[in-house]
Amino acid sequence: MIHMASGTDLVKVGILKLPRDDRAPGLVRGEMRRWLGTEHPALSGLVLAASELVTNAVRHADAGHGRNWVITALHEGGHFLRLAVTDPGSASSVPHRLSAGSVTEPSGGEGGRGLFIVNRLSGGRWGTYVVPGDGHRVVWCHLAPTAVEDEEPPAPLPAASPTTRPANMSSSPPSASPGAAPRLAVPEARRPR
């Protein structure tokens, strides 16, 4: 049974709660493949975006009692897939995208590229917000439901500091349609296979 979230055009594909540790990115990649099937045209981009966002949640959310979790939710909209990763939040950091020029680190390190990759995969349709009352942070992105091939490289991105949001990054929950009130869609049933 497919359950439509009240007041939106979103259909829940799945929600997964994981322990916030080094296993989480691999577990979420496997779950994305299970939810969409290995032949889905958007699978590779979705798996990469989910892995990057979950890795950021594992690395950057504050530690402490009751804070060892990360939740990944995937919904289908009319012309997009909405991926949202929720973590316990952080009092000391805000997600921010690095500029195109800062992606390659001189030391050859592997860190710091996650939101740059998500920005590329989502065409700039991503954002973050803090859930009122509990401080949990949600980082979300909208991905095309089909594979997108770049024919030419995109223009360089402007630099962003931790206190300045890029112009295309929202700090409020995404709405299902323009002008709709922000809602968290938490339907009950899993999509049948």
Protein backbone atom coordinates (compact mmCIF):
# COMPACT_ATOMS: atom_id res chain seq x y z
CA MET A 1 0.00 0.00 0.00
CA ILE A 2 1.32 3.45 -0.91
CA HIS A 3 0.36 6.08 1.63
CA MET A 4 0.14 9.72 0.50
CA ALA A 5 1.25 12.23 3.11
CA SER A 6 -1.65 14.48 3.98
CA GLY A 7 -1.53 17.90 2.32
CA THR A 8 1.44 17.09 0.07
CA ASP A 9 2.19 15.21 -3.10
CA LEU A 10 4.92 13.13 -1.49
CA VAL A 11 4.93 9.34 -1.37
CA LYS A 12 7.13 7.66 1.23
CA VAL A 13 9.66 5.26 -0.19
CA GLY A 14 11.34 4.48 3.14
CA ILE A 15 12.66 5.73 6.46
CA LEU A 16 15.71 4.20 8.12
CA LYS A 17 17.13 4.85 11.60
CA LEU A 18 20.78 3.87 11.97
CA PRO A 19 23.40 4.02 14.70
CA ARG A 20 25.58 7.09 14.13
CA ASP A 21 28.87 5.31 13.51
CA ASP A 22 31.19 4.35 10.65
CA ARG A 23 28.84 1.57 9.44
CA ALA A 24 25.99 4.00 8.67
CA PRO A 25 27.10 5.18 5.17
CA GLY A 26 27.43 1.60 3.90
CA LEU A 27 24.11 0.59 5.45
CA VAL A 28 22.28 3.53 3.88
CA ARG A 29 23.77 2.75 0.45
CA GLY A 30 22.42 -0.79 0.69
CA GLU A 31 19.00 0.41 1.80
CA MET A 32 18.75 2.91 -1.09
CA ARG A 33 19.46 0.05 -3.52
CA ARG A 34 16.81 -2.09 -1.83
CA TRP A 35 14.21 0.70 -1.83
CA LEU A 36 14.65 1.71 -5.48
CA GLY A 37 15.97 -1.46 -7.07
CA THR A 38 19.25 -1.76 -8.91
CA GLU A 39 17.81 -0.67 -12.27
CA HIS A 40 16.41 2.71 -11.14
CA PRO A 41 17.88 5.48 -13.33
CA ALA A 42 18.59 7.80 -10.38
CA LEU A 43 20.11 5.14 -8.14
CA SER A 44 23.81 6.04 -8.48
CA GLY A 45 23.26 9.73 -7.70
CA LEU A 46 20.90 8.95 -4.83
CA VAL A 47 23.30 6.42 -3.30
CA LEU A 48 26.15 8.94 -3.50
CA ALA A 49 24.06 11.80 -2.01
CA ALA A 50 22.77 9.58 0.82
CA SER A 51 26.26 8.35 1.61
CA GLU A 52 27.68 11.90 1.71
CA LEU A 53 24.87 13.28 3.91
CA VAL A 54 24.99 10.35 6.34
CA THR A 55 28.80 10.60 6.53
CA ASN A 56 28.43 14.29 7.44
CA ALA A 57 25.88 13.43 10.14
CA VAL A 58 28.22 10.80 11.59
CA ARG A 59 31.20 13.16 11.60
CA HIS A 60 29.68 16.48 12.59
CA ALA A 61 26.69 16.01 14.94
CA ASP A 62 27.44 16.48 18.63
CA ALA A 63 28.09 13.30 20.62
CA GLY A 64 26.45 12.41 23.90
CA HIS A 65 23.90 10.20 25.60
CA GLY A 66 20.90 9.55 23.35
CA ARG A 67 22.59 11.20 20.35
CA ASN A 68 23.96 8.10 18.62
CA TRP A 69 21.52 7.94 15.71
CA VAL A 70 20.89 9.24 12.20
CA ILE A 71 17.62 8.97 10.26
CA THR A 72 17.41 8.84 6.47
CA ALA A 73 14.08 9.37 4.70
CA LEU A 74 13.31 9.09 1.01
CA HIS A 75 10.09 10.37 -0.58
CA GLU A 76 8.96 10.64 -4.19
CA GLY A 77 7.42 13.88 -5.38
CA GLY A 78 5.89 14.58 -8.76
CA HIS A 79 9.20 15.39 -10.46
CA PHE A 80 11.81 14.76 -7.79
CA LEU A 81 13.11 12.42 -5.11
CA ARG A 82 13.47 14.06 -1.69
CA LEU A 83 16.27 12.72 0.47
CA ALA A 84 16.41 13.98 4.05
CA VAL A 85 18.99 13.07 6.69
CA THR A 86 18.24 13.99 10.30
CA ASP A 87 20.83 13.94 13.08
CA PRO A 88 20.90 15.10 16.72
CA GLY A 89 22.32 18.48 15.66
CA SER A 90 25.37 20.46 16.64
CA ALA A 91 25.78 23.55 18.75
CA SER A 92 29.09 24.38 17.07
CA SER A 93 28.67 23.85 13.34
CA VAL A 94 26.32 24.56 10.45
CA PRO A 95 26.45 22.61 7.18
CA HIS A 96 27.99 24.67 4.40
CA ARG A 97 29.09 23.98 0.87
CA LEU A 98 32.69 24.51 -0.14
CA SER A 99 33.42 26.54 -3.24
CA ALA A 100 34.55 24.80 -6.42
CA GLY A 101 38.10 26.02 -5.88
CA SER A 102 38.33 24.54 -2.40
CA VAL A 103 37.30 21.00 -3.34
CA THR A 104 40.83 19.74 -3.94
CA GLU A 105 42.84 19.84 -0.76
CA PRO A 106 46.60 20.32 -1.17
CA SER A 107 47.26 17.45 1.25
CA GLY A 108 45.17 15.06 -0.85
CA GLY A 109 42.73 14.58 2.04
CA GLU A 110 39.33 13.02 1.49
CA GLY A 111 37.21 15.35 3.65
CA GLY A 112 35.20 18.45 2.91
CA ARG A 113 33.52 17.57 -0.36
CA GLY A 114 30.18 16.11 0.74
CA LEU A 115 27.90 19.13 0.33
CA PHE A 116 29.71 20.19 -2.83
CA ILE A 117 28.85 16.77 -4.29
CA VAL A 118 25.24 16.98 -3.04
CA ASN A 119 24.94 20.47 -4.55
CA ARG A 120 26.09 19.13 -7.94
CA LEU A 121 23.81 16.09 -7.81
CA SER A 122 20.76 18.13 -6.78
CA GLY A 123 21.33 21.06 -9.13
CA GLY A 124 21.51 23.34 -6.07
CA ARG A 125 18.18 22.13 -4.64
CA TRP A 126 19.21 21.38 -1.07
CA GLY A 127 19.10 22.98 2.32
CA THR A 128 19.22 22.53 6.04
CA TYR A 129 17.07 23.47 9.00
CA VAL A 130 16.86 22.83 12.72
CA VAL A 131 13.70 21.14 13.98
CA PRO A 132 12.03 23.60 16.39
CA GLY A 133 12.04 22.46 20.00
CA ASP A 134 14.54 19.62 19.85
CA GLY A 135 17.54 21.00 17.94
CA HIS A 136 17.76 18.10 15.51
CA ARG A 137 19.28 19.11 12.18
CA VAL A 138 17.81 18.05 8.84
CA VAL A 139 19.81 18.29 5.63
CA TRP A 140 17.68 17.62 2.55
CA CYS A 141 18.06 17.57 -1.20
CA HIS A 142 15.85 17.07 -4.22
CA LEU A 143 17.19 14.84 -6.97
CA ALA A 144 15.83 14.25 -10.46
CA PRO A 145 14.03 10.88 -10.64
CA THR A 146 16.05 10.02 -13.74
CA ALA A 147 19.77 9.99 -14.38
CA VAL A 148 21.20 13.39 -15.26
CA GLU A 149 24.23 13.59 -17.52
CA ASP A 150 26.43 16.68 -17.51
CA GLU A 151 27.31 17.76 -21.04
CA GLU A 152 29.51 20.62 -19.87
CA PRO A 153 30.97 21.47 -16.48
CA PRO A 154 28.91 23.85 -14.34
CA ALA A 155 30.05 27.38 -13.57
CA PRO A 156 32.22 27.74 -10.44
CA LEU A 157 30.28 28.03 -7.20
CA PRO A 158 30.63 31.07 -4.93
CA ALA A 159 32.50 30.52 -1.68
CA ALA A 160 30.39 30.03 1.44
CA SER A 161 31.44 30.59 5.02
CA PRO A 162 29.93 28.66 7.95
CA THR A 163 27.81 31.70 8.82
CA THR A 164 26.68 32.56 5.29
CA ARG A 165 24.26 30.36 3.37
CA PRO A 166 24.70 30.05 -0.38
CA ALA A 167 21.91 31.85 -2.23
CA ASN A 168 20.32 28.59 -3.36
CA MET A 169 20.43 26.88 0.05
CA SER A 170 17.30 27.03 2.15
CA SER A 171 17.32 27.17 5.94
CA SER A 172 13.72 26.03 6.23
CA PRO A 173 11.99 22.75 5.50
CA PRO A 174 11.28 22.14 1.82
CA SER A 175 7.65 22.28 0.76
CA ALA A 176 6.16 19.84 -1.70
CA SER A 177 4.98 22.60 -4.00
CA PRO A 178 5.61 26.33 -4.33
CA GLY A 179 3.65 28.28 -1.74
CA ALA A 180 2.81 25.20 0.32
CA ALA A 181 3.35 25.30 4.06
CA PRO A 182 6.47 23.40 5.15
CA ARG A 183 5.61 19.95 6.49
CA LEU A 184 7.48 16.90 7.60
CA ALA A 185 6.02 13.97 5.70
CA VAL A 186 6.03 10.84 7.82
CA PRO A 187 3.64 8.41 6.17
CA GLU A 188 3.18 5.00 7.75
CA ALA A 189 3.36 2.28 5.10
CA ARG A 190 6.34 1.04 3.14
CA ARG A 191 6.23 1.01 -0.62
CA PRO A 192 5.42 -2.50 -1.89
CA ARG A 193 7.91 -4.23 -4.13
